């Protein structure tokens, strides 16, 4: 079981930790070192619960490079660029 530290409004993941205690420690260190501006804007949650119930999804439309047809895809806000079919990096791999 792992835990994620995420921004409450955007649900973008700041860090993933193995335990809840490690996540709380990482959040405190990030706030004290200035890596995050306001600690109250971040929250900690179990990764499975976060993925199923909290993480926001976005819908993007793009022109498919092979067919030229408009295509719509829904993905999470934390999808890496290499897994995002709307990016050129996805099609170059």
C-alpha atoms as a PDB file:
ATOM      1  CA  UNK A   1       0.000   0.000   0.000  1.00  0.00           C
ATOM      2  CA  UNK A   2       1.371   3.420  -0.904  1.00  0.00           C
ATOM      3  CA  UNK A   3       0.298   6.985  -0.208  1.00  0.00           C
ATOM      4  CA  UNK A   4       0.312  10.066  -2.412  1.00  0.00           C
ATOM      5  CA  UNK A   5       0.766  13.728  -1.579  1.00  0.00           C
ATOM      6  CA  UNK A   6      -1.362  15.760  -3.976  1.00  0.00           C
ATOM      7  CA  UNK A   7      -2.587  19.302  -4.555  1.00  0.00           C
ATOM      8  CA  UNK A   8      -6.206  19.450  -3.379  1.00  0.00           C
ATOM      9  CA  UNK A   9      -7.514  21.680  -6.177  1.00  0.00           C
ATOM     10  CA  UNK A  10      -5.709  20.275  -9.221  1.00  0.00           C
ATOM     11  CA  UNK A  11      -5.107  16.716  -7.895  1.00  0.00           C
ATOM     12  CA  UNK A  12      -1.617  16.769  -9.378  1.00  0.00           C
ATOM     13  CA  UNK A  13       0.618  14.359  -7.470  1.00  0.00           C
ATOM     14  CA  UNK A  14       3.545  15.947  -5.628  1.00  0.00           C
ATOM     15  CA  UNK A  15       5.115  12.750  -4.301  1.00  0.00           C
ATOM     16  CA  UNK A  16       4.399   9.055  -3.716  1.00  0.00           C
ATOM     17  CA  UNK A  17       5.543   7.386  -0.476  1.00  0.00           C
ATOM     18  CA  UNK A  18       5.490   3.819   0.841  1.00  0.00           C
ATOM     19  CA  UNK A  19       3.847   4.623   4.189  1.00  0.00           C
ATOM     20  CA  UNK A  20       1.551   7.281   5.588  1.00  0.00           C
ATOM     21  CA  UNK A  21       4.206   8.316   8.069  1.00  0.00           C
ATOM     22  CA  UNK A  22       6.753   8.800   5.267  1.00  0.00           C
ATOM     23  CA  UNK A  23       4.209  10.898   3.335  1.00  0.00           C
ATOM     24  CA  UNK A  24       3.546  13.127   6.348  1.00  0.00           C
ATOM     25  CA  UNK A  25       7.291  13.552   6.879  1.00  0.00           C
ATOM     26  CA  UNK A  26       7.860  14.393   3.200  1.00  0.00           C
ATOM     27  CA  UNK A  27       5.049  16.961   3.261  1.00  0.00           C
ATOM     28  CA  UNK A  28       6.504  18.619   6.360  1.00  0.00           C
ATOM     29  CA  UNK A  29      10.009  18.711   4.856  1.00  0.00           C
ATOM     30  CA  UNK A  30       8.713  20.160   1.587  1.00  0.00           C
ATOM     31  CA  UNK A  31       6.812  22.880   3.453  1.00  0.00           C
ATOM     32  CA  UNK A  32       9.793  23.740   5.655  1.00  0.00           C
ATOM     33  CA  UNK A  33      12.260  23.850   2.747  1.00  0.00           C
ATOM     34  CA  UNK A  34      10.012  26.046   0.598  1.00  0.00           C
ATOM     35  CA  UNK A  35       9.316  23.485  -2.152  1.00  0.00           C
ATOM     36  CA  UNK A  36       5.608  24.071  -1.601  1.00  0.00           C
ATOM     37  CA  UNK A  37       4.178  27.485  -0.773  1.00  0.00           C
ATOM     38  CA  UNK A  38       1.194  26.533   1.368  1.00  0.00           C
ATOM     39  CA  UNK A  39       0.957  23.201   3.162  1.00  0.00           C
ATOM     40  CA  UNK A  40      -2.817  23.554   3.554  1.00  0.00           C
ATOM     41  CA  UNK A  41      -3.237  23.196  -0.228  1.00  0.00           C
ATOM     42  CA  UNK A  42      -1.888  19.619  -0.142  1.00  0.00           C
ATOM     43  CA  UNK A  43      -3.357  16.418   1.201  1.00  0.00           C
ATOM     44  CA  UNK A  44      -2.304  12.793   1.753  1.00  0.00           C
ATOM     45  CA  UNK A  45      -4.402   9.822   0.671  1.00  0.00           C
ATOM     46  CA  UNK A  46      -3.985   6.120  -0.035  1.00  0.00           C
ATOM     47  CA  UNK A  47      -2.997   5.699  -3.697  1.00  0.00           C
ATOM     48  CA  UNK A  48      -5.802   3.299  -4.675  1.00  0.00           C
ATOM     49  CA  UNK A  49      -8.504   5.494  -3.128  1.00  0.00           C
ATOM     50  CA  UNK A  50      -6.918   8.552  -4.763  1.00  0.00           C
ATOM     51  CA  UNK A  51      -6.912   6.936  -8.211  1.00  0.00           C
ATOM     52  CA  UNK A  52     -10.498   5.695  -7.958  1.00  0.00           C
ATOM     53  CA  UNK A  53     -12.303   8.586  -6.273  1.00  0.00           C
ATOM     54  CA  UNK A  54     -10.246  11.806  -6.140  1.00  0.00           C
ATOM     55  CA  UNK A  55      -8.002  12.170  -9.201  1.00  0.00           C
ATOM     56  CA  UNK A  56      -9.470  14.468 -11.847  1.00  0.00           C
ATOM     57  CA  UNK A  57      -9.815  13.420 -15.455  1.00  0.00           C
ATOM     58  CA  UNK A  58      -9.528  15.563 -18.569  1.00  0.00           C
ATOM     59  CA  UNK A  59     -10.940  15.029 -22.048  1.00  0.00           C
ATOM     60  CA  UNK A  60      -8.784  16.042 -24.997  1.00  0.00           C
ATOM     61  CA  UNK A  61      -9.498  16.068 -28.721  1.00  0.00           C
ATOM     62  CA  UNK A  62      -6.747  15.733 -31.314  1.00  0.00           C
ATOM     63  CA  UNK A  63      -6.291  14.830 -34.961  1.00  0.00           C
ATOM     64  CA  UNK A  64      -5.184  11.224 -35.280  1.00  0.00           C
ATOM     65  CA  UNK A  65      -1.831  11.246 -37.127  1.00  0.00           C
ATOM     66  CA  UNK A  66      -2.637   8.249 -39.338  1.00  0.00           C
ATOM     67  CA  UNK A  67      -6.321   8.665 -40.142  1.00  0.00           C
ATOM     68  CA  UNK A  68      -6.531  12.460 -39.814  1.00  0.00           C
ATOM     69  CA  UNK A  69      -9.862  12.130 -38.015  1.00  0.00           C
ATOM     70  CA  UNK A  70     -10.678  14.020 -34.812  1.00  0.00           C
ATOM     71  CA  UNK A  71     -10.288  11.653 -31.867  1.00  0.00           C
ATOM     72  CA  UNK A  72     -11.328  12.194 -28.245  1.00  0.00           C
ATOM     73  CA  UNK A  73      -9.519  10.620 -25.311  1.00  0.00           C
ATOM     74  CA  UNK A  74     -10.146  10.833 -21.548  1.00  0.00           C
ATOM     75  CA  UNK A  75      -7.186  10.508 -19.174  1.00  0.00           C
ATOM     76  CA  UNK A  76      -6.109  11.539 -15.703  1.00  0.00           C
ATOM     77  CA  UNK A  77      -4.296  14.809 -15.040  1.00  0.00           C
ATOM     78  CA  UNK A  78      -1.233  12.811 -13.918  1.00  0.00           C
ATOM     79  CA  UNK A  79      -0.835  10.881 -17.181  1.00  0.00           C
ATOM     80  CA  UNK A  80       2.816  11.095 -18.292  1.00  0.00           C
ATOM     81  CA  UNK A  81       3.507  12.758 -21.641  1.00  0.00           C
ATOM     82  CA  UNK A  82       4.851   9.525 -23.090  1.00  0.00           C
ATOM     83  CA  UNK A  83       1.437   7.876 -22.494  1.00  0.00           C
ATOM     84  CA  UNK A  84      -0.622  10.823 -23.769  1.00  0.00           C
ATOM     85  CA  UNK A  85      -1.792  10.217 -27.360  1.00  0.00           C
ATOM     86  CA  UNK A  86      -2.280  13.971 -27.866  1.00  0.00           C
ATOM     87  CA  UNK A  87       1.500  14.546 -27.595  1.00  0.00           C
ATOM     88  CA  UNK A  88       4.058  14.011 -30.346  1.00  0.00           C
ATOM     89  CA  UNK A  89       6.247  12.041 -27.934  1.00  0.00           C
ATOM     90  CA  UNK A  90       3.598   9.300 -27.765  1.00  0.00           C
ATOM     91  CA  UNK A  91       3.638   8.776 -31.544  1.00  0.00           C
ATOM     92  CA  UNK A  92       7.452   8.860 -31.856  1.00  0.00           C
ATOM     93  CA  UNK A  93       7.986   5.832 -29.622  1.00  0.00           C
END
